[in-house]
Amino acid sequence: MIPQDPVILLSYINTQLRDNYTGLEALADGLDISRDELDLITGKLHSIGYEYDESHNQFV
């Protein structure tokens, strides 16, 4: 289950990226989430000022 609170979501997604996945597409595949759901997640994180940084494989 993916957290709904944006700050907890940030921590969860960054931990998953750090520990288990090489990028957002791998994360989506591994967590079995659709491209639309991934867009909602990135949008929610953008709304609190975070963008995905591919070179660091995390939201910063």
C-alpha atoms as a PDB file:
ATOM      1  CA  MET A   1       0.000   0.000   0.000  1.00  0.00           C
ATOM      2  CA  ILE A   2       1.396   3.363  -1.028  1.00  0.00           C
ATOM      3  CA  PRO A   3       1.105   6.170   1.549  1.00  0.00           C
ATOM      4  CA  GLN A   4      -1.253   9.032   0.705  1.00  0.00           C
ATOM      5  CA  ASP A   5       0.311  11.749   2.876  1.00  0.00           C
ATOM      6  CA  PRO A   6       2.795  13.596   0.610  1.00  0.00           C
ATOM      7  CA  VAL A   7       5.624  13.788   3.167  1.00  0.00           C
ATOM      8  CA  ILE A   8       5.344  10.108   4.092  1.00  0.00           C
ATOM      9  CA  LEU A   9       5.020   9.303   0.383  1.00  0.00           C
ATOM     10  CA  LEU A  10       8.282  11.153  -0.282  1.00  0.00           C
ATOM     11  CA  SER A  11      10.110   9.120   2.339  1.00  0.00           C
ATOM     12  CA  TYR A  12       8.567   5.857   1.122  1.00  0.00           C
ATOM     13  CA  ILE A  13       9.334   6.455  -2.570  1.00  0.00           C
ATOM     14  CA  ASN A  14      12.898   7.632  -1.957  1.00  0.00           C
ATOM     15  CA  THR A  15      13.559   4.627   0.283  1.00  0.00           C
ATOM     16  CA  GLN A  16      12.164   2.268  -2.350  1.00  0.00           C
ATOM     17  CA  LEU A  17      14.277   3.916  -5.050  1.00  0.00           C
ATOM     18  CA  ARG A  18      17.403   3.779  -2.910  1.00  0.00           C
ATOM     19  CA  ASP A  19      16.992   0.206  -1.709  1.00  0.00           C
ATOM     20  CA  ASN A  20      15.207  -1.628  -4.508  1.00  0.00           C
ATOM     21  CA  TYR A  21      14.883   0.142  -7.860  1.00  0.00           C
ATOM     22  CA  THR A  22      17.109   1.739 -10.480  1.00  0.00           C
ATOM     23  CA  GLY A  23      14.550   4.342 -11.564  1.00  0.00           C
ATOM     24  CA  LEU A  24      10.908   5.359 -11.690  1.00  0.00           C
ATOM     25  CA  GLU A  25       9.944   2.850 -14.395  1.00  0.00           C
ATOM     26  CA  ALA A  26      11.493  -0.014 -12.420  1.00  0.00           C
ATOM     27  CA  LEU A  27       9.678   1.213  -9.304  1.00  0.00           C
ATOM     28  CA  ALA A  28       6.343   1.288 -11.160  1.00  0.00           C
ATOM     29  CA  ASP A  29       6.922  -2.224 -12.503  1.00  0.00           C
ATOM     30  CA  GLY A  30       8.057  -3.558  -9.135  1.00  0.00           C
ATOM     31  CA  LEU A  31       5.161  -2.034  -7.208  1.00  0.00           C
ATOM     32  CA  ASP A  32       2.720  -2.938  -9.993  1.00  0.00           C
ATOM     33  CA  ILE A  33       1.461   0.607 -10.467  1.00  0.00           C
ATOM     34  CA  SER A  34       0.284   2.080 -13.748  1.00  0.00           C
ATOM     35  CA  ARG A  35       1.800   5.022 -15.569  1.00  0.00           C
ATOM     36  CA  ASP A  36      -1.226   7.100 -14.487  1.00  0.00           C
ATOM     37  CA  GLU A  37      -0.662   6.180 -10.834  1.00  0.00           C
ATOM     38  CA  LEU A  38       3.029   7.038 -11.199  1.00  0.00           C
ATOM     39  CA  ASP A  39       2.025  10.419 -12.652  1.00  0.00           C
ATOM     40  CA  LEU A  40      -0.231  11.011  -9.627  1.00  0.00           C
ATOM     41  CA  ILE A  41       2.632  10.172  -7.269  1.00  0.00           C
ATOM     42  CA  THR A  42       5.094  12.469  -9.032  1.00  0.00           C
ATOM     43  CA  GLY A  43       2.422  15.201  -9.137  1.00  0.00           C
ATOM     44  CA  LYS A  44       1.774  14.871  -5.420  1.00  0.00           C
ATOM     45  CA  LEU A  45       5.506  15.123  -4.701  1.00  0.00           C
ATOM     46  CA  HIS A  46       5.807  18.088  -7.063  1.00  0.00           C
ATOM     47  CA  SER A  47       3.040  19.823  -5.106  1.00  0.00           C
ATOM     48  CA  ILE A  48       5.274  19.833  -2.010  1.00  0.00           C
ATOM     49  CA  GLY A  49       8.308  21.040  -3.960  1.00  0.00           C
ATOM     50  CA  TYR A  50      10.073  17.814  -4.965  1.00  0.00           C
ATOM     51  CA  GLU A  51      11.155  16.691  -8.430  1.00  0.00           C
ATOM     52  CA  TYR A  52      12.718  13.416  -9.505  1.00  0.00           C
ATOM     53  CA  ASP A  53      16.474  13.685 -10.077  1.00  0.00           C
ATOM     54  CA  GLU A  54      17.479  10.834 -12.350  1.00  0.00           C
ATOM     55  CA  SER A  55      21.197  11.253 -11.640  1.00  0.00           C
ATOM     56  CA  HIS A  56      20.587  10.666  -7.917  1.00  0.00           C
ATOM     57  CA  ASN A  57      17.583   8.352  -8.401  1.00  0.00           C
ATOM     58  CA  GLN A  58      15.560  10.223  -5.822  1.00  0.00           C
ATOM     59  CA  PHE A  59      13.169  13.090  -5.350  1.00  0.00           C
ATOM     60  CA  VAL A  60      14.991  16.232  -4.271  1.00  0.00           C
END
